[in-house]
Amino acid sequence: MVEYKVVETSLVTDEALEEILNEWTAAGWHYESIQFAMREASKRPAMAFVLFTRQSSATD
C-alpha cells in the first residue's frame, strides 16, 4: 500500500525547500512533486506543498 505525505510551507525559499526535501527523504519518503500557491499581486509563491510517498508495510 502506498502512503502519502504532504508538507506545507509558507516560507518558500530554496533553503526552506531543501531542508524539507532532505529531512523527509532521509526519513524514508520518496519525493514526488512540489505544488506552488501563487498570489495574484506577486510573482513569488505564497506557499508550497511538497508531496512524498513511501511503501507501507501494512496490508489491508
PDB file of N, CA and C in Angstrom:
ATOM      1  N   MET A   1       0.839  -1.172   0.000  1.00  0.00           N
ATOM      2  CA  MET A   1       0.000   0.000   0.000  1.00  0.00           C
ATOM      3  C   MET A   1       0.892   1.245   0.000  1.00  0.00           C
ATOM      4  N   VAL A   2       0.517   2.233  -0.768  1.00  0.00           N
ATOM      5  CA  VAL A   2       1.283   3.473  -0.856  1.00  0.00           C
ATOM      6  C   VAL A   2       0.760   4.468   0.173  1.00  0.00           C
ATOM      7  N   GLU A   3       1.679   5.056   0.934  1.00  0.00           N
ATOM      8  CA  GLU A   3       1.342   6.130   1.868  1.00  0.00           C
ATOM      9  C   GLU A   3       1.764   7.450   1.238  1.00  0.00           C
ATOM     10  N   TYR A   4       1.015   8.498   1.524  1.00  0.00           N
ATOM     11  CA  TYR A   4       1.308   9.825   1.004  1.00  0.00           C
ATOM     12  C   TYR A   4       1.593  10.776   2.154  1.00  0.00           C
ATOM     13  N   LYS A   5       2.501  11.720   1.918  1.00  0.00           N
ATOM     14  CA  LYS A   5       2.847  12.750   2.904  1.00  0.00           C
ATOM     15  C   LYS A   5       2.843  14.086   2.182  1.00  0.00           C
ATOM     16  N   VAL A   6       2.133  15.069   2.734  1.00  0.00           N
ATOM     17  CA  VAL A   6       2.112  16.423   2.183  1.00  0.00           C
ATOM     18  C   VAL A   6       2.686  17.351   3.245  1.00  0.00           C
ATOM     19  N   VAL A   7       3.734  18.076   2.880  1.00  0.00           N
ATOM     20  CA  VAL A   7       4.348  19.040   3.787  1.00  0.00           C
ATOM     21  C   VAL A   7       4.054  20.433   3.236  1.00  0.00           C
ATOM     22  N   GLU A   8       3.413  21.248   4.055  1.00  0.00           N
ATOM     23  CA  GLU A   8       3.016  22.608   3.668  1.00  0.00           C
ATOM     24  C   GLU A   8       4.000  23.605   4.266  1.00  0.00           C
ATOM     25  N   THR A   9       4.418  24.575   3.464  1.00  0.00           N
ATOM     26  CA  THR A   9       5.294  25.619   3.974  1.00  0.00           C
ATOM     27  C   THR A   9       4.897  26.970   3.397  1.00  0.00           C
ATOM     28  N   SER A  10       4.926  27.981   4.252  1.00  0.00           N
ATOM     29  CA  SER A  10       4.676  29.343   3.775  1.00  0.00           C
ATOM     30  C   SER A  10       5.991  30.085   3.558  1.00  0.00           C
ATOM     31  N   LEU A  11       7.090  29.474   3.968  1.00  0.00           N
ATOM     32  CA  LEU A  11       8.418  30.023   3.708  1.00  0.00           C
ATOM     33  C   LEU A  11       8.947  29.347   2.444  1.00  0.00           C
ATOM     34  N   VAL A  12       8.804  30.019   1.308  1.00  0.00           N
ATOM     35  CA  VAL A  12       9.139  29.418   0.015  1.00  0.00           C
ATOM     36  C   VAL A  12      10.476  29.989  -0.464  1.00  0.00           C
ATOM     37  N   THR A  13      11.555  29.455   0.123  1.00  0.00           N
ATOM     38  CA  THR A  13      12.912  29.813  -0.295  1.00  0.00           C
ATOM     39  C   THR A  13      13.634  28.532  -0.664  1.00  0.00           C
ATOM     40  N   ASP A  14      14.748  28.665  -1.379  1.00  0.00           N
ATOM     41  CA  ASP A  14      15.496  27.465  -1.734  1.00  0.00           C
ATOM     42  C   ASP A  14      15.980  26.733  -0.489  1.00  0.00           C
ATOM     43  N   GLU A  15      16.405  27.472   0.529  1.00  0.00           N
ATOM     44  CA  GLU A  15      16.892  26.832   1.754  1.00  0.00           C
ATOM     45  C   GLU A  15      15.779  26.070   2.473  1.00  0.00           C
ATOM     46  N   ALA A  16      14.592  26.667   2.557  1.00  0.00           N
ATOM     47  CA  ALA A  16      13.468  26.015   3.238  1.00  0.00           C
ATOM     48  C   ALA A  16      13.040  24.757   2.495  1.00  0.00           C
ATOM     49  N   LEU A  17      12.972  24.829   1.165  1.00  0.00           N
ATOM     50  CA  LEU A  17      12.572  23.656   0.381  1.00  0.00           C
ATOM     51  C   LEU A  17      13.632  22.565   0.451  1.00  0.00           C
ATOM     52  N   GLU A  18      14.916  22.929   0.412  1.00  0.00           N
ATOM     53  CA  GLU A  18      15.991  21.939   0.557  1.00  0.00           C
ATOM     54  C   GLU A  18      15.903  21.235   1.903  1.00  0.00           C
ATOM     55  N   GLU A  19      15.630  21.993   2.962  1.00  0.00           N
ATOM     56  CA  GLU A  19      15.519  21.406   4.299  1.00  0.00           C
ATOM     57  C   GLU A  19      14.384  20.386   4.359  1.00  0.00           C
ATOM     58  N   ILE A  20      13.234  20.732   3.790  1.00  0.00           N
ATOM     59  CA  ILE A  20      12.092  19.810   3.762  1.00  0.00           C
ATOM     60  C   ILE A  20      12.439  18.559   2.969  1.00  0.00           C
ATOM     61  N   LEU A  21      13.016  18.739   1.783  1.00  0.00           N
ATOM     62  CA  LEU A  21      13.376  17.589   0.943  1.00  0.00           C
ATOM     63  C   LEU A  21      14.380  16.681   1.645  1.00  0.00           C
ATOM     64  N   ASN A  22      15.427  17.254   2.230  1.00  0.00           N
ATOM     65  CA  ASN A  22      16.450  16.452   2.903  1.00  0.00           C
ATOM     66  C   ASN A  22      15.903  15.741   4.137  1.00  0.00           C
ATOM     67  N   GLU A  23      15.074  16.423   4.909  1.00  0.00           N
ATOM     68  CA  GLU A  23      14.511  15.833   6.132  1.00  0.00           C
ATOM     69  C   GLU A  23      13.637  14.619   5.821  1.00  0.00           C
ATOM     70  N   TRP A  24      12.708  14.765   4.869  1.00  0.00           N
ATOM     71  CA  TRP A  24      11.749  13.698   4.620  1.00  0.00           C
ATOM     72  C   TRP A  24      12.326  12.557   3.784  1.00  0.00           C
ATOM     73  N   THR A  25      13.254  12.839   2.866  1.00  0.00           N
ATOM     74  CA  THR A  25      13.878  11.735   2.122  1.00  0.00           C
ATOM     75  C   THR A  25      14.800  10.934   3.039  1.00  0.00           C
ATOM     76  N   ALA A  26      15.443  11.593   3.999  1.00  0.00           N
ATOM     77  CA  ALA A  26      16.268  10.874   4.975  1.00  0.00           C
ATOM     78  C   ALA A  26      15.417   9.974   5.862  1.00  0.00           C
ATOM     79  N   ALA A  27      14.146  10.327   6.032  1.00  0.00           N
ATOM     80  CA  ALA A  27      13.224   9.532   6.851  1.00  0.00           C
ATOM     81  C   ALA A  27      12.568   8.403   6.054  1.00  0.00           C
ATOM     82  N   GLY A  28      12.988   8.217   4.798  1.00  0.00           N
ATOM     83  CA  GLY A  28      12.471   7.093   4.017  1.00  0.00           C
ATOM     84  C   GLY A  28      11.365   7.431   3.038  1.00  0.00           C
ATOM     85  N   TRP A  29      11.002   8.686   2.930  1.00  0.00           N
ATOM     86  CA  TRP A  29       9.970   9.103   1.987  1.00  0.00           C
ATOM     87  C   TRP A  29      10.601   9.408   0.640  1.00  0.00           C
ATOM     88  N   HIS A  30       9.862   9.198  -0.442  1.00  0.00           N
ATOM     89  CA  HIS A  30      10.337   9.459  -1.802  1.00  0.00           C
ATOM     90  C   HIS A  30       9.651  10.713  -2.332  1.00  0.00           C
ATOM     91  N   TYR A  31      10.468  11.641  -2.809  1.00  0.00           N
ATOM     92  CA  TYR A  31       9.940  12.895  -3.355  1.00  0.00           C
ATOM     93  C   TYR A  31       9.098  12.619  -4.593  1.00  0.00           C
ATOM     94  N   GLU A  32       7.931  13.255  -4.675  1.00  0.00           N
ATOM     95  CA  GLU A  32       7.046  13.137  -5.839  1.00  0.00           C
ATOM     96  C   GLU A  32       6.944  14.451  -6.605  1.00  0.00           C
ATOM     97  N   SER A  33       6.568  15.538  -5.915  1.00  0.00           N
ATOM     98  CA  SER A  33       6.399  16.815  -6.618  1.00  0.00           C
ATOM     99  C   SER A  33       6.264  17.968  -5.634  1.00  0.00           C
ATOM    100  N   ILE A  34       6.327  19.179  -6.191  1.00  0.00           N
ATOM    101  CA  ILE A  34       6.067  20.403  -5.430  1.00  0.00           C
ATOM    102  C   ILE A  34       4.981  21.175  -6.166  1.00  0.00           C
ATOM    103  N   GLN A  35       3.985  21.632  -5.420  1.00  0.00           N
ATOM    104  CA  GLN A  35       2.921  22.479  -5.967  1.00  0.00           C
ATOM    105  C   GLN A  35       3.031  23.846  -5.294  1.00  0.00           C
ATOM    106  N   PHE A  36       2.971  24.897  -6.086  1.00  0.00           N
ATOM    107  CA  PHE A  36       3.068  26.251  -5.555  1.00  0.00           C
ATOM    108  C   PHE A  36       1.710  26.937  -5.599  1.00  0.00           C
ATOM    109  N   ALA A  37       1.396  27.677  -4.535  1.00  0.00           N
ATOM    110  CA  ALA A  37       0.186  28.506  -4.484  1.00  0.00           C
ATOM    111  C   ALA A  37       0.642  29.948  -4.666  1.00  0.00           C
ATOM    112  N   MET A  38       0.109  30.587  -5.691  1.00  0.00           N
ATOM    113  CA  MET A  38       0.560  31.927  -6.057  1.00  0.00           C
ATOM    114  C   MET A  38      -0.398  32.995  -5.527  1.00  0.00           C
ATOM    115  N   ARG A  39       0.146  34.178  -5.308  1.00  0.00           N
ATOM    116  CA  ARG A  39      -0.651  35.374  -5.009  1.00  0.00           C
ATOM    117  C   ARG A  39      -0.885  36.105  -6.320  1.00  0.00           C
ATOM    118  N   GLU A  40      -2.022  36.727  -6.449  1.00  0.00           N
ATOM    119  CA  GLU A  40      -2.309  37.475  -7.675  1.00  0.00           C
ATOM    120  C   GLU A  40      -1.395  38.681  -7.835  1.00  0.00           C
ATOM    121  N   ALA A  41      -1.051  39.332  -6.743  1.00  0.00           N
ATOM    122  CA  ALA A  41      -0.284  40.572  -6.808  1.00  0.00           C
ATOM    123  C   ALA A  41       1.229  40.361  -6.814  1.00  0.00           C
ATOM    124  N   SER A  42       1.687  39.114  -6.781  1.00  0.00           N
ATOM    125  CA  SER A  42       3.116  38.850  -6.674  1.00  0.00           C
ATOM    126  C   SER A  42       3.532  37.722  -7.604  1.00  0.00           C
ATOM    127  N   LYS A  43       4.766  37.774  -8.046  1.00  0.00           N
ATOM    128  CA  LYS A  43       5.299  36.687  -8.874  1.00  0.00           C
ATOM    129  C   LYS A  43       5.891  35.570  -8.018  1.00  0.00           C
ATOM    130  N   ARG A  44       6.082  35.839  -6.719  1.00  0.00           N
ATOM    131  CA  ARG A  44       6.625  34.818  -5.817  1.00  0.00           C
ATOM    132  C   ARG A  44       5.495  33.985  -5.232  1.00  0.00           C
ATOM    133  N   PRO A  45       5.723  32.699  -5.053  1.00  0.00           N
ATOM    134  CA  PRO A  45       4.684  31.854  -4.455  1.00  0.00           C
ATOM    135  C   PRO A  45       4.420  32.234  -2.998  1.00  0.00           C
ATOM    136  N   ALA A  46       3.158  32.129  -2.603  1.00  0.00           N
ATOM    137  CA  ALA A  46       2.769  32.396  -1.220  1.00  0.00           C
ATOM    138  C   ALA A  46       3.007  31.170  -0.345  1.00  0.00           C
ATOM    139  N   MET A  47       2.847  29.983  -0.934  1.00  0.00           N
ATOM    140  CA  MET A  47       3.008  28.723  -0.204  1.00  0.00           C
ATOM    141  C   MET A  47       3.510  27.654  -1.157  1.00  0.00           C
ATOM    142  N   ALA A  48       4.028  26.585  -0.563  1.00  0.00           N
ATOM    143  CA  ALA A  48       4.412  25.418  -1.345  1.00  0.00           C
ATOM    144  C   ALA A  48       3.938  24.171  -0.611  1.00  0.00           C
ATOM    145  N   PHE A  49       3.538  23.179  -1.390  1.00  0.00           N
ATOM    146  CA  PHE A  49       3.137  21.879  -0.867  1.00  0.00           C
ATOM    147  C   PHE A  49       4.081  20.852  -1.478  1.00  0.00           C
ATOM    148  N   VAL A  50       4.859  20.181  -0.632  1.00  0.00           N
ATOM    149  CA  VAL A  50       5.835  19.198  -1.095  1.00  0.00           C
ATOM    150  C   VAL A  50       5.238  17.820  -0.854  1.00  0.00           C
ATOM    151  N   LEU A  51       5.147  17.014  -1.910  1.00  0.00           N
ATOM    152  CA  LEU A  51       4.491  15.711  -1.833  1.00  0.00           C
ATOM    153  C   LEU A  51       5.514  14.580  -1.863  1.00  0.00           C
ATOM    154  N   PHE A  52       5.309  13.616  -0.957  1.00  0.00           N
ATOM    155  CA  PHE A  52       6.175  12.450  -0.831  1.00  0.00           C
ATOM    156  C   PHE A  52       5.314  11.188  -0.793  1.00  0.00           C
ATOM    157  N   THR A  53       5.921  10.049  -1.136  1.00  0.00           N
ATOM    158  CA  THR A  53       5.262   8.748  -0.993  1.00  0.00           C
ATOM    159  C   THR A  53       6.247   7.755  -0.387  1.00  0.00           C
ATOM    160  N   ARG A  54       5.695   6.667   0.130  1.00  0.00           N
ATOM    161  CA  ARG A  54       6.508   5.523   0.555  1.00  0.00           C
ATOM    162  C   ARG A  54       5.617   4.299   0.584  1.00  0.00           C
ATOM    163  N   GLN A  55       6.231   3.150   0.493  1.00  0.00           N
ATOM    164  CA  GLN A  55       5.503   1.891   0.579  1.00  0.00           C
ATOM    165  C   GLN A  55       5.266   1.566   2.042  1.00  0.00           C
ATOM    166  N   SER A  56       4.037   1.260   2.373  1.00  0.00           N
ATOM    167  CA  SER A  56       3.665   0.914   3.735  1.00  0.00           C
ATOM    168  C   SER A  56       3.823  -0.585   3.929  1.00  0.00           C
ATOM    169  N   SER A  57       4.200  -0.975   5.126  1.00  0.00           N
ATOM    170  CA  SER A  57       4.302  -2.403   5.430  1.00  0.00           C
ATOM    171  C   SER A  57       2.954  -2.982   5.843  1.00  0.00           C
ATOM    172  N   ALA A  58       1.975  -2.120   6.092  1.00  0.00           N
ATOM    173  CA  ALA A  58       0.634  -2.572   6.489  1.00  0.00           C
ATOM    174  C   ALA A  58      -0.099  -3.147   5.287  1.00  0.00           C
ATOM    175  N   THR A  59      -0.858  -4.200   5.524  1.00  0.00           N
ATOM    176  CA  THR A  59      -1.679  -4.796   4.465  1.00  0.00           C
ATOM    177  C   THR A  59      -3.136  -4.668   4.851  1.00  0.00           C
ATOM    178  N   ASP A  60      -3.954  -4.286   3.893  1.00  0.00           N
ATOM    179  CA  ASP A  60      -5.401  -4.145   4.153  1.00  0.00           C
ATOM    180  C   ASP A  60      -6.163  -5.231   3.452  1.00  0.00           C
TER     181      ASP A  60
END
